Amino acid sequence: MSERDDAFGTTADGASSRPRRRTRPEPSPAQRALGLLVRREHSRKELLQKLTIRGVPVAEADAAVAKMVSAGWQDDTRFAESLVRSRASSGYGPRRIRAELGTHDLDGDHSMAALDSLEMDWTAQARDLIRRRHPAALDGDRAAQRKAADFLFRRGFSMDQIRAAIRSGPDES
């Protein structure tokens, strides 16, 4: 038998013939926070939670998040605007979006400013969803209208927006 005993690169004495990989040093809490923020926007609360879940002590996580805020990498206003745009483009209504913003412990100013900056016609958005998901509702089918209304309500649209969207005809935009 040669010096190699098996196909795994070990010699007869059990030592590896492969060069050892260098181990990376453990990232600092600030590096972890930055790694999360370069992927997408995070709220302050969400960033703290993710760091503590990854084993960073609370005090160090809080210091890292404060560092990200002061450097401009984390901004709750920017996060709120990003979340509002994302959810609105996915077909969610203002009530659902406002509720989700509330789960991130954002103050009312951030939430309202983000929703107001969107400048969206929520009734038109609801009508587009009905047109795609429940087209019979726009033709007057009562059962389809109920299903469409339930769907829109679960999506976070108000009853006024739902009524206006259902009452509009199939040709209106």
Protein backbone atom coordinates (compact mmCIF):
# COMPACT_ATOMS: atom_id res chain seq x y z
CA MET A 1 0.00 0.00 0.00
CA SER A 2 1.20 3.51 -0.67
CA GLU A 3 1.45 6.34 1.82
CA ARG A 4 -2.20 7.01 1.31
CA ASP A 5 -4.42 4.50 3.04
CA ASP A 6 -7.73 5.60 1.65
CA ALA A 7 -9.42 7.89 -0.82
CA PHE A 8 -9.97 10.56 1.81
CA GLY A 9 -6.46 11.95 1.80
CA THR A 10 -5.15 10.50 5.04
CA THR A 11 -1.76 8.86 5.32
CA ALA A 12 -0.97 5.58 7.06
CA ASP A 13 -0.26 7.40 10.32
CA GLY A 14 -3.70 9.11 10.20
CA ALA A 15 -2.46 12.61 9.35
CA SER A 16 -4.15 14.51 6.56
CA SER A 17 -2.14 15.22 3.44
CA ARG A 18 -4.43 18.11 2.49
CA PRO A 19 -3.54 21.61 3.51
CA ARG A 20 -5.60 22.81 6.44
CA ARG A 21 -8.26 25.41 5.83
CA ARG A 22 -7.86 28.63 7.65
CA THR A 23 -10.64 29.23 10.09
CA ARG A 24 -12.29 32.57 9.88
CA PRO A 25 -12.42 34.64 13.01
CA GLU A 26 -15.83 35.04 14.62
CA PRO A 27 -17.52 38.16 13.18
CA SER A 28 -18.06 41.04 15.54
CA PRO A 29 -21.63 42.07 16.41
CA ALA A 30 -21.24 45.12 14.15
CA GLN A 31 -20.09 42.90 11.26
CA ARG A 32 -23.07 40.61 11.81
CA ALA A 33 -25.45 43.57 11.85
CA LEU A 34 -23.91 44.98 8.69
CA GLY A 35 -24.15 41.56 7.03
CA LEU A 36 -27.88 41.51 7.74
CA LEU A 37 -28.40 45.08 6.55
CA VAL A 38 -26.66 44.65 3.21
CA ARG A 39 -29.19 41.96 2.27
CA ARG A 40 -32.29 44.07 3.01
CA GLU A 41 -33.64 46.80 5.28
CA HIS A 42 -34.35 45.84 8.89
CA SER A 43 -36.11 47.71 11.65
CA ARG A 44 -34.17 48.46 14.80
CA LYS A 45 -36.23 45.90 16.74
CA GLU A 46 -35.80 43.21 14.08
CA LEU A 47 -32.05 43.75 13.89
CA LEU A 48 -31.71 43.46 17.68
CA GLN A 49 -33.75 40.25 17.67
CA LYS A 50 -31.69 38.66 14.90
CA LEU A 51 -28.41 39.50 16.62
CA THR A 52 -29.52 38.10 19.97
CA ILE A 53 -30.83 34.93 18.28
CA ARG A 54 -27.36 34.50 16.79
CA GLY A 55 -25.85 34.52 20.27
CA VAL A 56 -24.77 38.13 20.58
CA PRO A 57 -25.26 39.45 24.14
CA VAL A 58 -28.01 42.07 24.40
CA ALA A 59 -25.66 44.90 25.42
CA GLU A 60 -23.31 44.21 22.51
CA ALA A 61 -26.22 43.86 20.08
CA ASP A 62 -27.65 47.18 21.25
CA ALA A 63 -24.24 48.86 20.79
CA ALA A 64 -23.88 47.35 17.30
CA VAL A 65 -27.33 48.53 16.25
CA ALA A 66 -26.61 52.02 17.64
CA LYS A 67 -23.41 52.03 15.57
CA MET A 68 -25.39 51.07 12.43
CA VAL A 69 -27.91 53.83 13.11
CA SER A 70 -25.23 56.48 13.61
CA ALA A 71 -23.44 55.37 10.43
CA GLY A 72 -26.69 55.56 8.45
CA TRP A 73 -26.87 51.84 7.66
CA GLN A 74 -30.08 51.35 9.64
CA ASP A 75 -32.95 53.80 9.43
CA ASP A 76 -36.48 53.05 10.63
CA THR A 77 -37.99 55.58 8.21
CA ARG A 78 -36.26 53.95 5.25
CA PHE A 79 -37.30 50.51 6.54
CA ALA A 80 -40.93 51.59 6.85
CA GLU A 81 -40.98 53.02 3.31
CA SER A 82 -39.41 49.84 1.94
CA LEU A 83 -41.91 47.62 3.75
CA VAL A 84 -44.88 49.71 2.58
CA ARG A 85 -43.72 49.62 -1.06
CA SER A 86 -43.07 45.89 -0.90
CA ARG A 87 -46.40 44.96 0.68
CA ALA A 88 -48.45 47.31 -1.49
CA SER A 89 -46.88 45.87 -4.64
CA SER A 90 -47.74 42.39 -3.33
CA GLY A 91 -51.42 43.34 -3.12
CA TYR A 92 -51.87 44.13 0.57
CA GLY A 93 -54.08 46.93 1.82
CA PRO A 94 -53.30 49.81 4.16
CA ARG A 95 -54.72 48.18 7.29
CA ARG A 96 -52.60 45.06 6.91
CA ILE A 97 -49.51 47.13 6.17
CA ARG A 98 -50.12 49.40 9.16
CA ALA A 99 -50.53 46.34 11.40
CA GLU A 100 -47.27 44.86 10.15
CA LEU A 101 -45.47 48.15 10.73
CA GLY A 102 -46.79 48.03 14.30
CA THR A 103 -45.09 44.69 14.91
CA HIS A 104 -41.73 46.37 14.32
CA ASP A 105 -42.24 48.86 17.18
CA LEU A 106 -42.12 51.83 14.84
CA ASP A 107 -43.65 54.99 16.16
CA GLY A 108 -46.81 56.27 14.52
CA ASP A 109 -44.92 59.01 12.69
CA HIS A 110 -42.80 56.53 10.76
CA SER A 111 -45.80 54.40 9.84
CA MET A 112 -48.05 57.25 8.77
CA ALA A 113 -45.29 59.01 6.84
CA ALA A 114 -44.45 55.82 4.98
CA LEU A 115 -48.08 55.11 4.07
CA ASP A 116 -48.69 58.73 3.06
CA SER A 117 -45.57 58.86 0.90
CA LEU A 118 -46.81 55.96 -1.23
CA GLU A 119 -49.60 57.95 -2.89
CA MET A 120 -51.55 54.89 -3.96
CA ASP A 121 -55.18 54.60 -5.02
CA TRP A 122 -56.16 51.75 -2.72
CA THR A 123 -59.56 51.32 -4.36
CA ALA A 124 -57.92 50.87 -7.76
CA GLN A 125 -55.52 48.34 -6.24
CA ALA A 126 -58.47 46.43 -4.74
CA ARG A 127 -60.25 46.52 -8.10
CA ASP A 128 -57.17 45.12 -9.85
CA LEU A 129 -57.01 42.29 -7.33
CA ILE A 130 -60.68 41.49 -7.91
CA ARG A 131 -60.18 41.58 -11.66
CA ARG A 132 -57.36 39.05 -11.38
CA ARG A 133 -58.64 36.78 -8.60
CA HIS A 134 -62.45 37.03 -8.74
CA PRO A 135 -63.50 38.41 -12.14
CA ALA A 136 -67.08 37.21 -11.78
CA ALA A 137 -67.52 39.62 -8.87
CA LEU A 138 -67.30 42.56 -11.29
CA ASP A 139 -70.04 40.98 -13.44
CA GLY A 140 -72.53 41.03 -10.56
CA ASP A 141 -72.24 37.45 -9.27
CA ARG A 142 -73.23 37.81 -5.58
CA ALA A 143 -71.36 34.72 -4.39
CA ALA A 144 -68.20 35.88 -6.17
CA GLN A 145 -68.66 39.35 -4.66
CA ARG A 146 -68.78 37.85 -1.16
CA LYS A 147 -65.65 35.81 -1.84
CA ALA A 148 -63.90 38.86 -3.28
CA ALA A 149 -64.91 40.98 -0.29
CA ASP A 150 -63.62 38.35 2.14
CA PHE A 151 -60.37 38.12 0.19
CA LEU A 152 -59.86 41.89 0.18
CA PHE A 153 -60.76 42.18 3.85
CA ARG A 154 -58.14 39.57 4.75
CA ARG A 155 -55.66 41.49 2.61
CA GLY A 156 -56.21 44.62 4.72
CA PHE A 157 -58.55 46.80 2.70
CA SER A 158 -61.26 48.86 4.40
CA MET A 159 -64.95 48.16 3.80
CA ASP A 160 -65.31 51.46 1.91
CA GLN A 161 -62.49 50.50 -0.43
CA ILE A 162 -63.96 47.02 -0.90
CA ARG A 163 -67.46 48.34 -1.67
CA ALA A 164 -66.10 50.88 -4.15
CA ALA A 165 -63.97 48.24 -5.87
CA ILE A 166 -66.83 45.73 -6.18
CA ARG A 167 -69.38 48.30 -7.33
CA SER A 168 -67.19 49.50 -10.15
CA GLY A 169 -67.90 47.83 -13.43
CA PRO A 170 -65.52 45.51 -15.28
CA ASP A 171 -64.55 48.26 -17.74
CA GLU A 172 -63.70 50.92 -15.17
CA SER A 173 -60.10 51.44 -14.18
